[in-house]
N, C-alpha and C. Protein backbone atom coordinates (compact mmCIF):
# COMPACT_ATOMS: atom_id res chain seq x y z
N MET A 1 -1.68 -13.65 -8.02
CA MET A 1 -2.91 -14.36 -7.79
C MET A 1 -3.03 -14.68 -6.31
N ASN A 2 -4.18 -14.48 -5.76
CA ASN A 2 -4.42 -14.73 -4.34
C ASN A 2 -4.37 -16.23 -4.05
N PRO A 3 -3.50 -16.69 -3.14
CA PRO A 3 -3.39 -18.12 -2.86
C PRO A 3 -4.64 -18.70 -2.20
N GLU A 4 -5.53 -17.84 -1.73
CA GLU A 4 -6.75 -18.34 -1.09
C GLU A 4 -7.91 -18.49 -2.08
N PHE A 5 -7.69 -18.12 -3.36
CA PHE A 5 -8.73 -18.33 -4.36
C PHE A 5 -9.03 -19.81 -4.48
N PRO A 6 -10.29 -20.14 -4.71
CA PRO A 6 -10.60 -21.56 -4.93
C PRO A 6 -9.93 -22.04 -6.22
N SER A 7 -9.75 -23.34 -6.33
CA SER A 7 -9.07 -23.90 -7.50
C SER A 7 -9.93 -23.85 -8.75
N LEU A 8 -11.24 -23.64 -8.59
CA LEU A 8 -12.14 -23.56 -9.74
C LEU A 8 -12.60 -22.12 -9.94
N GLY A 9 -12.72 -21.72 -11.18
CA GLY A 9 -13.22 -20.40 -11.51
C GLY A 9 -14.74 -20.35 -11.47
N SER A 10 -15.30 -19.21 -11.80
CA SER A 10 -16.76 -19.06 -11.78
C SER A 10 -17.43 -19.91 -12.85
N ASP A 11 -16.67 -20.36 -13.83
CA ASP A 11 -17.21 -21.25 -14.87
C ASP A 11 -17.05 -22.72 -14.51
N TRP A 12 -16.62 -23.00 -13.28
CA TRP A 12 -16.40 -24.35 -12.76
C TRP A 12 -15.26 -25.09 -13.45
N LYS A 13 -14.43 -24.35 -14.16
CA LYS A 13 -13.26 -24.95 -14.78
C LYS A 13 -12.04 -24.62 -13.91
N PRO A 14 -11.02 -25.49 -13.95
CA PRO A 14 -9.83 -25.21 -13.13
C PRO A 14 -9.21 -23.86 -13.50
N ARG A 15 -8.82 -23.13 -12.47
CA ARG A 15 -8.15 -21.84 -12.70
C ARG A 15 -6.75 -22.10 -13.25
N ASN A 16 -6.35 -21.27 -14.17
CA ASN A 16 -4.99 -21.31 -14.67
C ASN A 16 -4.18 -20.30 -13.88
N LEU A 17 -3.35 -20.79 -12.98
CA LEU A 17 -2.58 -19.90 -12.13
C LEU A 17 -1.28 -19.45 -12.79
N GLN A 18 -0.94 -20.05 -13.91
CA GLN A 18 0.29 -19.69 -14.61
C GLN A 18 -0.01 -18.56 -15.59
N ARG A 19 0.75 -17.49 -15.47
CA ARG A 19 0.57 -16.34 -16.35
C ARG A 19 1.88 -16.09 -17.09
N SER A 20 1.76 -15.67 -18.32
CA SER A 20 2.97 -15.30 -19.07
C SER A 20 3.51 -14.00 -18.49
N ASP A 21 4.75 -13.70 -18.80
CA ASP A 21 5.36 -12.46 -18.31
C ASP A 21 4.56 -11.24 -18.78
N SER A 22 4.08 -11.27 -20.02
CA SER A 22 3.33 -10.12 -20.54
C SER A 22 1.97 -10.00 -19.84
N GLU A 23 1.30 -11.14 -19.55
CA GLU A 23 0.03 -11.09 -18.83
C GLU A 23 0.24 -10.56 -17.41
N LEU A 24 1.30 -11.02 -16.76
CA LEU A 24 1.60 -10.58 -15.41
C LEU A 24 1.91 -9.09 -15.38
N SER A 25 2.71 -8.63 -16.33
CA SER A 25 3.05 -7.22 -16.41
C SER A 25 1.81 -6.36 -16.65
N LEU A 26 0.94 -6.79 -17.53
CA LEU A 26 -0.30 -6.07 -17.81
C LEU A 26 -1.18 -6.00 -16.56
N HIS A 27 -1.28 -7.12 -15.85
CA HIS A 27 -2.08 -7.17 -14.62
C HIS A 27 -1.49 -6.23 -13.57
N GLN A 28 -0.18 -6.24 -13.41
CA GLN A 28 0.46 -5.39 -12.41
C GLN A 28 0.29 -3.91 -12.73
N ARG A 29 0.37 -3.55 -14.00
CA ARG A 29 0.15 -2.14 -14.38
C ARG A 29 -1.29 -1.73 -14.10
N ALA A 30 -2.24 -2.62 -14.40
CA ALA A 30 -3.65 -2.32 -14.14
C ALA A 30 -3.90 -2.18 -12.64
N TYR A 31 -3.27 -3.04 -11.85
CA TYR A 31 -3.41 -2.99 -10.40
C TYR A 31 -2.86 -1.66 -9.86
N ALA A 32 -1.67 -1.27 -10.34
CA ALA A 32 -1.05 -0.01 -9.90
C ALA A 32 -1.93 1.18 -10.29
N THR A 33 -2.52 1.13 -11.46
CA THR A 33 -3.41 2.20 -11.91
C THR A 33 -4.64 2.28 -11.01
N THR A 34 -5.17 1.15 -10.61
CA THR A 34 -6.33 1.11 -9.71
C THR A 34 -5.98 1.71 -8.36
N VAL A 35 -4.85 1.30 -7.79
CA VAL A 35 -4.43 1.83 -6.48
C VAL A 35 -4.26 3.35 -6.57
N LYS A 36 -3.55 3.82 -7.59
CA LYS A 36 -3.33 5.26 -7.76
C LYS A 36 -4.66 5.99 -7.90
N GLY A 37 -5.55 5.46 -8.71
CA GLY A 37 -6.85 6.09 -8.92
C GLY A 37 -7.66 6.19 -7.64
N GLN A 38 -7.64 5.14 -6.83
CA GLN A 38 -8.40 5.15 -5.59
C GLN A 38 -7.83 6.15 -4.59
N VAL A 39 -6.49 6.20 -4.48
CA VAL A 39 -5.86 7.14 -3.55
C VAL A 39 -6.12 8.57 -4.03
N GLU A 40 -5.97 8.82 -5.33
CA GLU A 40 -6.21 10.16 -5.85
C GLU A 40 -7.67 10.58 -5.66
N GLU A 41 -8.60 9.68 -5.87
CA GLU A 41 -10.01 10.02 -5.64
C GLU A 41 -10.25 10.40 -4.19
N LEU A 42 -9.72 9.62 -3.27
CA LEU A 42 -9.87 9.92 -1.86
C LEU A 42 -9.32 11.30 -1.53
N LEU A 43 -8.14 11.59 -2.05
CA LEU A 43 -7.47 12.85 -1.70
C LEU A 43 -8.05 14.06 -2.42
N ALA A 44 -8.67 13.86 -3.57
CA ALA A 44 -9.17 14.98 -4.37
C ALA A 44 -10.65 15.26 -4.19
N ARG A 45 -11.42 14.28 -3.75
CA ARG A 45 -12.88 14.45 -3.77
C ARG A 45 -13.57 14.42 -2.42
N TYR A 46 -12.83 14.27 -1.34
CA TYR A 46 -13.47 14.10 -0.04
C TYR A 46 -13.02 15.12 0.99
N GLY A 47 -12.61 16.29 0.55
CA GLY A 47 -12.24 17.35 1.48
C GLY A 47 -10.86 17.15 2.06
N LYS A 48 -10.63 17.83 3.16
CA LYS A 48 -9.31 17.80 3.79
C LYS A 48 -9.08 16.45 4.46
N ILE A 49 -7.95 15.86 4.13
CA ILE A 49 -7.52 14.59 4.73
C ILE A 49 -6.28 14.89 5.56
N ASP A 50 -6.32 14.53 6.84
CA ASP A 50 -5.21 14.83 7.74
C ASP A 50 -4.13 13.76 7.74
N LEU A 51 -4.53 12.50 7.60
CA LEU A 51 -3.59 11.40 7.75
C LEU A 51 -3.87 10.35 6.69
N LEU A 52 -2.82 9.89 6.04
CA LEU A 52 -2.94 8.79 5.08
C LEU A 52 -2.12 7.63 5.60
N TRP A 53 -2.80 6.54 5.88
CA TRP A 53 -2.19 5.40 6.53
C TRP A 53 -2.19 4.22 5.57
N PHE A 54 -1.02 3.89 5.06
CA PHE A 54 -0.90 2.71 4.20
C PHE A 54 -0.60 1.51 5.08
N ASP A 55 -1.08 0.35 4.66
CA ASP A 55 -0.85 -0.88 5.41
C ASP A 55 0.11 -1.78 4.64
N GLY A 56 1.13 -1.20 4.08
CA GLY A 56 2.11 -1.94 3.30
C GLY A 56 2.08 -1.54 1.85
N LYS A 57 2.83 -2.27 1.04
CA LYS A 57 2.93 -2.01 -0.38
C LYS A 57 2.01 -2.97 -1.13
N PRO A 58 1.45 -2.53 -2.26
CA PRO A 58 0.72 -3.50 -3.09
C PRO A 58 1.66 -4.64 -3.48
N PRO A 59 1.16 -5.86 -3.55
CA PRO A 59 2.01 -7.02 -3.81
C PRO A 59 2.38 -7.16 -5.28
N ILE A 60 2.96 -6.11 -5.83
CA ILE A 60 3.39 -6.11 -7.23
C ILE A 60 4.78 -5.49 -7.30
N ALA A 61 5.45 -5.70 -8.42
CA ALA A 61 6.76 -5.08 -8.61
C ALA A 61 6.61 -3.56 -8.53
N ASP A 62 7.49 -2.90 -7.84
CA ASP A 62 7.46 -1.45 -7.68
C ASP A 62 6.13 -0.96 -7.09
N GLY A 63 5.57 -1.71 -6.18
CA GLY A 63 4.30 -1.32 -5.56
C GLY A 63 4.35 0.02 -4.86
N ASP A 64 5.55 0.42 -4.44
CA ASP A 64 5.71 1.71 -3.77
C ASP A 64 5.66 2.88 -4.75
N LYS A 65 5.62 2.58 -6.04
CA LYS A 65 5.60 3.65 -7.04
C LYS A 65 4.20 3.89 -7.62
N CYS A 66 3.19 3.24 -7.06
CA CYS A 66 1.82 3.45 -7.54
C CYS A 66 1.43 4.93 -7.49
N ILE A 67 1.77 5.55 -6.39
CA ILE A 67 1.55 6.98 -6.23
C ILE A 67 2.69 7.53 -5.38
N THR A 68 3.23 8.64 -5.78
CA THR A 68 4.39 9.20 -5.09
C THR A 68 3.95 10.07 -3.91
N ILE A 69 4.86 10.26 -2.97
CA ILE A 69 4.60 11.17 -1.86
C ILE A 69 4.38 12.58 -2.40
N GLU A 70 5.12 12.94 -3.44
CA GLU A 70 4.96 14.27 -4.03
C GLU A 70 3.55 14.48 -4.57
N ARG A 71 3.01 13.46 -5.24
CA ARG A 71 1.64 13.57 -5.77
C ARG A 71 0.63 13.64 -4.63
N ILE A 72 0.85 12.86 -3.59
CA ILE A 72 -0.05 12.91 -2.43
C ILE A 72 -0.06 14.31 -1.83
N ARG A 73 1.11 14.90 -1.66
CA ARG A 73 1.20 16.24 -1.08
C ARG A 73 0.69 17.32 -2.04
N GLU A 74 0.76 17.07 -3.33
CA GLU A 74 0.17 17.99 -4.30
C GLU A 74 -1.34 18.06 -4.11
N LEU A 75 -1.95 16.90 -3.85
CA LEU A 75 -3.40 16.85 -3.67
C LEU A 75 -3.83 17.27 -2.26
N GLN A 76 -2.99 17.02 -1.27
CA GLN A 76 -3.32 17.32 0.12
C GLN A 76 -2.10 17.90 0.83
N PRO A 77 -1.80 19.17 0.62
CA PRO A 77 -0.66 19.78 1.33
C PRO A 77 -0.88 19.67 2.85
N GLY A 78 0.16 19.35 3.56
CA GLY A 78 0.04 19.27 5.01
C GLY A 78 -0.41 17.92 5.53
N ILE A 79 -0.70 16.97 4.65
CA ILE A 79 -1.14 15.65 5.09
C ILE A 79 0.02 14.93 5.79
N VAL A 80 -0.29 14.10 6.76
CA VAL A 80 0.69 13.27 7.46
C VAL A 80 0.61 11.88 6.85
N ILE A 81 1.76 11.32 6.48
CA ILE A 81 1.81 10.03 5.79
C ILE A 81 2.67 9.06 6.58
N ASN A 82 2.17 7.85 6.77
CA ASN A 82 2.99 6.84 7.44
C ASN A 82 3.99 6.25 6.43
N PRO A 83 5.03 5.56 6.90
CA PRO A 83 6.09 5.10 6.00
C PRO A 83 5.86 3.73 5.37
N CYS A 84 4.71 3.13 5.53
CA CYS A 84 4.53 1.73 5.12
C CYS A 84 4.46 1.51 3.61
N LEU A 85 4.17 2.51 2.80
CA LEU A 85 4.19 2.33 1.35
C LEU A 85 5.54 2.70 0.75
N HIS A 86 6.06 3.84 1.12
CA HIS A 86 7.26 4.37 0.48
C HIS A 86 8.55 4.08 1.23
N GLY A 87 8.46 3.54 2.44
CA GLY A 87 9.66 3.31 3.24
C GLY A 87 10.13 4.56 3.96
N ARG A 88 9.42 5.65 3.77
CA ARG A 88 9.69 6.90 4.48
C ARG A 88 8.36 7.62 4.61
N GLY A 89 8.29 8.49 5.58
CA GLY A 89 7.06 9.25 5.81
C GLY A 89 7.31 10.31 6.85
N ASP A 90 6.25 10.70 7.54
CA ASP A 90 6.36 11.78 8.51
C ASP A 90 6.67 11.28 9.92
N PHE A 91 6.71 9.99 10.11
CA PHE A 91 7.06 9.42 11.40
C PHE A 91 7.61 8.02 11.18
N VAL A 92 8.18 7.45 12.22
CA VAL A 92 8.74 6.11 12.18
C VAL A 92 7.68 5.13 12.68
N THR A 93 7.58 3.98 12.02
CA THR A 93 6.67 2.94 12.48
C THR A 93 7.49 1.71 12.86
N HIS A 94 7.32 1.26 14.09
CA HIS A 94 7.96 0.02 14.55
C HIS A 94 6.90 -1.07 14.50
N MET A 95 7.14 -2.08 13.68
CA MET A 95 6.18 -3.16 13.53
C MET A 95 6.55 -4.32 14.45
N ARG A 96 5.77 -4.52 15.49
CA ARG A 96 5.87 -5.65 16.42
C ARG A 96 7.08 -5.61 17.35
N ARG A 97 8.12 -4.87 17.02
CA ARG A 97 9.27 -4.79 17.92
C ARG A 97 9.98 -3.46 17.71
N LEU A 98 10.46 -2.94 18.77
CA LEU A 98 11.25 -1.73 18.67
C LEU A 98 12.62 -2.11 18.12
N THR A 99 13.12 -1.33 17.20
CA THR A 99 14.39 -1.65 16.57
C THR A 99 15.55 -0.83 17.13
N THR A 100 15.28 -0.13 18.21
CA THR A 100 16.33 0.70 18.79
C THR A 100 16.06 0.92 20.27
N ASN A 101 17.09 1.23 21.00
CA ASN A 101 16.93 1.63 22.40
C ASN A 101 16.97 3.14 22.55
N ALA A 102 17.26 3.84 21.45
CA ALA A 102 17.38 5.29 21.49
C ALA A 102 16.00 5.93 21.67
N VAL A 103 15.98 7.04 22.33
CA VAL A 103 14.74 7.79 22.50
C VAL A 103 14.37 8.43 21.17
N ALA A 104 13.12 8.29 20.78
CA ALA A 104 12.67 8.88 19.52
C ALA A 104 12.66 10.40 19.64
N THR A 105 13.07 11.06 18.56
CA THR A 105 13.08 12.51 18.57
C THR A 105 11.93 13.11 17.78
N GLY A 106 11.21 12.31 17.02
CA GLY A 106 10.08 12.78 16.23
C GLY A 106 8.86 11.91 16.50
N TRP A 107 7.90 12.00 15.64
CA TRP A 107 6.71 11.18 15.78
C TRP A 107 7.06 9.72 15.54
N THR A 108 6.48 8.85 16.36
CA THR A 108 6.74 7.43 16.26
C THR A 108 5.45 6.66 16.49
N ASP A 109 5.29 5.57 15.75
CA ASP A 109 4.15 4.68 15.90
C ASP A 109 4.68 3.30 16.24
N PHE A 110 4.08 2.67 17.21
CA PHE A 110 4.45 1.30 17.56
C PHE A 110 3.24 0.44 17.30
N CYS A 111 3.36 -0.48 16.35
CA CYS A 111 2.24 -1.33 15.96
C CYS A 111 2.53 -2.74 16.46
N ASN A 112 1.83 -3.17 17.49
CA ASN A 112 2.00 -4.50 18.04
C ASN A 112 0.70 -5.26 17.86
N MET A 113 0.59 -5.96 16.75
CA MET A 113 -0.62 -6.69 16.44
C MET A 113 -0.63 -7.99 17.21
N SER A 114 -1.78 -8.35 17.71
CA SER A 114 -1.90 -9.67 18.35
C SER A 114 -3.05 -10.40 17.71
N PHE A 115 -2.83 -11.67 17.48
CA PHE A 115 -3.85 -12.49 16.84
C PHE A 115 -4.29 -13.54 17.83
N LEU A 116 -5.58 -13.70 17.95
CA LEU A 116 -6.12 -14.69 18.87
C LEU A 116 -6.17 -16.04 18.24
C-alpha cells in the first residue's frame, strides 16, 4: 500500500491498511501480472525497441521475476537492458556513487540524481 495514500477511501471511510497474507499474495500476483503485461505490450506492439530502462524493481516479493530477460529478448532480440530490474543487464549502472576505481571495460551508466 502506498504510504502517501490518504487515510480515507473514496467512500470517506477509513482505509484498512492491514491485509491478510492471502490478500497480499493475491495483490502481489496481480501487480506482477500487470507489470509483465505492460512490458510485453510495449515490446510486442510498438515496433523495434532499442533500449529498455527499468527504474528499479516493483515493490513486491520477487519483483525481479515479473518478466525475465529471456522473455524480453524473445520479444526484442538485440535490445539493450539496464540492470535495475534483474540485477544484471548489458551494462553496469552506478547509482549516485562509483563503486570502484577500476576503469570500466564495457558499457557503464553513472546516475547522479540531484534533488532541489
